[in-house]
Amino acid sequence: MPEPLEALARALALLGIRGTGLVITALAKGPADLHLIQERVPGLSDGLLIRRLREMTALGLVARTDHPGTSTPTVYTLAAHGKALLIPLAALTVWAQDHLPAKASQATRPQIWN
């Protein structure tokens, strides 16, 4: 497979992981602890959110800062690679608003929450 297609496949695989794009978008609003991210992205369990944050931190998309002994012991922010992902996510959002019906039937709706 040509490198551009391989790169696209990697990007789509990353965004296909439940919650990844939503967490990136939530952190675009600013630094947040676990509870604030959950408020920004309702519907993600604690375990799922923690797994996504660990994975995205390992990939260099998210930065984690620990503040022991404070009311917010761990704060997450977008790293440079995560910020760079905001442009294609915004374009994808506009495309979806223009081309995917909001009230898709159950048969045609993508299953992003499975």
C-alpha atoms as a PDB file:
ATOM      1  CA  MET A   1       0.000   0.000   0.000  1.00  0.00           C
ATOM      2  CA  PRO A   2       1.399   3.461  -0.827  1.00  0.00           C
ATOM      3  CA  GLU A   3       2.579   5.491   2.186  1.00  0.00           C
ATOM      4  CA  PRO A   4      -0.210   8.126   1.942  1.00  0.00           C
ATOM      5  CA  LEU A   5      -2.813   5.355   2.166  1.00  0.00           C
ATOM      6  CA  GLU A   6      -0.970   3.712   5.047  1.00  0.00           C
ATOM      7  CA  ALA A   7      -0.865   7.051   6.863  1.00  0.00           C
ATOM      8  CA  LEU A   8      -4.581   7.556   6.264  1.00  0.00           C
ATOM      9  CA  ALA A   9      -5.285   4.038   7.533  1.00  0.00           C
ATOM     10  CA  ARG A  10      -3.337   4.814  10.738  1.00  0.00           C
ATOM     11  CA  ALA A  11      -5.266   8.071  11.237  1.00  0.00           C
ATOM     12  CA  LEU A  12      -8.623   6.396  10.669  1.00  0.00           C
ATOM     13  CA  ALA A  13      -7.684   3.563  13.015  1.00  0.00           C
ATOM     14  CA  LEU A  14      -6.822   6.102  15.718  1.00  0.00           C
ATOM     15  CA  LEU A  15     -10.043   8.050  15.243  1.00  0.00           C
ATOM     16  CA  GLY A  16     -12.007   4.814  15.096  1.00  0.00           C
ATOM     17  CA  ILE A  17     -11.129   4.062  18.708  1.00  0.00           C
ATOM     18  CA  ARG A  18     -14.150   4.933  20.813  1.00  0.00           C
ATOM     19  CA  GLY A  19     -13.901   8.389  22.349  1.00  0.00           C
ATOM     20  CA  THR A  20     -10.538   9.435  20.918  1.00  0.00           C
ATOM     21  CA  GLY A  21     -11.727  12.313  18.749  1.00  0.00           C
ATOM     22  CA  LEU A  22     -14.215  13.401  21.393  1.00  0.00           C
ATOM     23  CA  VAL A  23     -11.552  13.587  24.101  1.00  0.00           C
ATOM     24  CA  ILE A  24      -9.237  15.560  21.790  1.00  0.00           C
ATOM     25  CA  THR A  25     -12.096  17.967  21.089  1.00  0.00           C
ATOM     26  CA  ALA A  26     -12.900  18.244  24.805  1.00  0.00           C
ATOM     27  CA  LEU A  27      -9.292  19.132  25.605  1.00  0.00           C
ATOM     28  CA  ALA A  28      -9.355  21.786  22.882  1.00  0.00           C
ATOM     29  CA  LYS A  29     -11.453  23.801  25.338  1.00  0.00           C
ATOM     30  CA  GLY A  30      -8.477  23.906  27.708  1.00  0.00           C
ATOM     31  CA  PRO A  31      -6.686  21.884  30.363  1.00  0.00           C
ATOM     32  CA  ALA A  32      -8.906  19.565  32.350  1.00  0.00           C
ATOM     33  CA  ASP A  33      -8.889  16.953  35.048  1.00  0.00           C
ATOM     34  CA  LEU A  34     -10.680  13.640  34.648  1.00  0.00           C
ATOM     35  CA  HIS A  35     -13.996  14.945  35.989  1.00  0.00           C
ATOM     36  CA  LEU A  36     -14.049  17.996  33.725  1.00  0.00           C
ATOM     37  CA  ILE A  37     -13.320  15.832  30.681  1.00  0.00           C
ATOM     38  CA  GLN A  38     -16.253  13.605  31.687  1.00  0.00           C
ATOM     39  CA  GLU A  39     -18.488  16.686  31.859  1.00  0.00           C
ATOM     40  CA  ARG A  40     -17.332  17.729  28.389  1.00  0.00           C
ATOM     41  CA  VAL A  41     -17.793  14.208  26.969  1.00  0.00           C
ATOM     42  CA  PRO A  42     -20.753  12.597  28.730  1.00  0.00           C
ATOM     43  CA  GLY A  43     -21.238   8.893  28.228  1.00  0.00           C
ATOM     44  CA  LEU A  44     -17.648   7.706  28.593  1.00  0.00           C
ATOM     45  CA  SER A  45     -17.035   5.490  31.615  1.00  0.00           C
ATOM     46  CA  ASP A  46     -14.157   6.222  33.997  1.00  0.00           C
ATOM     47  CA  GLY A  47     -12.281   3.143  32.821  1.00  0.00           C
ATOM     48  CA  LEU A  48     -12.679   3.921  29.138  1.00  0.00           C
ATOM     49  CA  LEU A  49     -11.666   7.542  29.602  1.00  0.00           C
ATOM     50  CA  ILE A  50      -8.594   6.597  31.630  1.00  0.00           C
ATOM     51  CA  ARG A  51      -7.549   4.058  28.950  1.00  0.00           C
ATOM     52  CA  ARG A  52      -7.971   6.629  26.179  1.00  0.00           C
ATOM     53  CA  LEU A  53      -5.992   9.239  28.090  1.00  0.00           C
ATOM     54  CA  ARG A  54      -3.159   6.758  28.715  1.00  0.00           C
ATOM     55  CA  GLU A  55      -3.096   5.745  25.049  1.00  0.00           C
ATOM     56  CA  MET A  56      -3.187   9.331  23.815  1.00  0.00           C
ATOM     57  CA  THR A  57      -0.465  10.310  26.287  1.00  0.00           C
ATOM     58  CA  ALA A  58       1.721   7.447  25.027  1.00  0.00           C
ATOM     59  CA  LEU A  59       1.148   8.645  21.436  1.00  0.00           C
ATOM     60  CA  GLY A  60       2.135  12.208  22.321  1.00  0.00           C
ATOM     61  CA  LEU A  61      -1.343  13.628  21.664  1.00  0.00           C
ATOM     62  CA  VAL A  62      -2.061  14.496  25.292  1.00  0.00           C
ATOM     63  CA  ALA A  63       0.212  15.750  28.063  1.00  0.00           C
ATOM     64  CA  ARG A  64      -0.369  14.764  31.677  1.00  0.00           C
ATOM     65  CA  THR A  65       0.749  16.961  34.562  1.00  0.00           C
ATOM     66  CA  ASP A  66       0.587  15.742  38.138  1.00  0.00           C
ATOM     67  CA  HIS A  67      -0.049  18.164  41.002  1.00  0.00           C
ATOM     68  CA  PRO A  68       0.087  15.996  44.139  1.00  0.00           C
ATOM     69  CA  GLY A  69      -1.692  17.346  47.175  1.00  0.00           C
ATOM     70  CA  THR A  70      -4.001  19.680  45.241  1.00  0.00           C
ATOM     71  CA  SER A  71      -7.714  19.493  44.508  1.00  0.00           C
ATOM     72  CA  THR A  72      -6.910  18.536  40.891  1.00  0.00           C
ATOM     73  CA  PRO A  73      -4.036  16.061  41.237  1.00  0.00           C
ATOM     74  CA  THR A  74      -3.798  15.313  37.503  1.00  0.00           C
ATOM     75  CA  VAL A  75      -4.431  17.734  34.637  1.00  0.00           C
ATOM     76  CA  TYR A  76      -4.509  16.818  30.954  1.00  0.00           C
ATOM     77  CA  THR A  77      -3.760  19.171  28.071  1.00  0.00           C
ATOM     78  CA  LEU A  78      -3.340  18.773  24.354  1.00  0.00           C
ATOM     79  CA  ALA A  79       0.252  18.254  23.292  1.00  0.00           C
ATOM     80  CA  ALA A  80       1.495  19.667  19.976  1.00  0.00           C
ATOM     81  CA  HIS A  81       0.436  16.513  18.057  1.00  0.00           C
ATOM     82  CA  GLY A  82      -3.026  16.687  19.612  1.00  0.00           C
ATOM     83  CA  LYS A  83      -3.388  20.363  18.688  1.00  0.00           C
ATOM     84  CA  ALA A  84      -2.388  19.531  15.116  1.00  0.00           C
ATOM     85  CA  LEU A  85      -5.256  17.021  15.000  1.00  0.00           C
ATOM     86  CA  LEU A  86      -7.822  19.761  15.683  1.00  0.00           C
ATOM     87  CA  ILE A  87      -7.713  21.062  12.097  1.00  0.00           C
ATOM     88  CA  PRO A  88      -8.667  17.748  10.436  1.00  0.00           C
ATOM     89  CA  LEU A  89     -11.214  17.061  13.198  1.00  0.00           C
ATOM     90  CA  ALA A  90     -12.860  20.423  12.522  1.00  0.00           C
ATOM     91  CA  ALA A  91     -12.943  19.689   8.797  1.00  0.00           C
ATOM     92  CA  LEU A  92     -14.406  16.241   9.459  1.00  0.00           C
ATOM     93  CA  THR A  93     -17.052  17.779  11.724  1.00  0.00           C
ATOM     94  CA  VAL A  94     -18.108  20.245   9.018  1.00  0.00           C
ATOM     95  CA  TRP A  95     -18.217  17.439   6.459  1.00  0.00           C
ATOM     96  CA  ALA A  96     -20.362  15.278   8.764  1.00  0.00           C
ATOM     97  CA  GLN A  97     -22.768  18.147   9.440  1.00  0.00           C
ATOM     98  CA  ASP A  98     -23.154  18.711   5.699  1.00  0.00           C
ATOM     99  CA  HIS A  99     -23.234  15.112   4.498  1.00  0.00           C
ATOM    100  CA  LEU A 100     -24.409  12.786   7.256  1.00  0.00           C
ATOM    101  CA  PRO A 101     -28.015  13.044   8.390  1.00  0.00           C
ATOM    102  CA  ALA A 102     -28.396  13.809  12.093  1.00  0.00           C
ATOM    103  CA  LYS A 103     -31.315  11.393  12.420  1.00  0.00           C
ATOM    104  CA  ALA A 104     -29.890   8.448  10.521  1.00  0.00           C
ATOM    105  CA  SER A 105     -31.840   5.240  10.779  1.00  0.00           C
ATOM    106  CA  GLN A 106     -30.464   2.591  13.117  1.00  0.00           C
ATOM    107  CA  ALA A 107     -29.395   0.547  10.079  1.00  0.00           C
ATOM    108  CA  THR A 108     -27.226   3.332   8.603  1.00  0.00           C
ATOM    109  CA  ARG A 109     -25.988   5.075  11.756  1.00  0.00           C
ATOM    110  CA  PRO A 110     -22.290   4.457  12.475  1.00  0.00           C
ATOM    111  CA  GLN A 111     -21.853   2.534  15.726  1.00  0.00           C
ATOM    112  CA  ILE A 112     -19.338   4.813  17.455  1.00  0.00           C
ATOM    113  CA  TRP A 113     -20.351   3.841  20.978  1.00  0.00           C
ATOM    114  CA  ASN A 114     -19.856   0.079  20.771  1.00  0.00           C
END
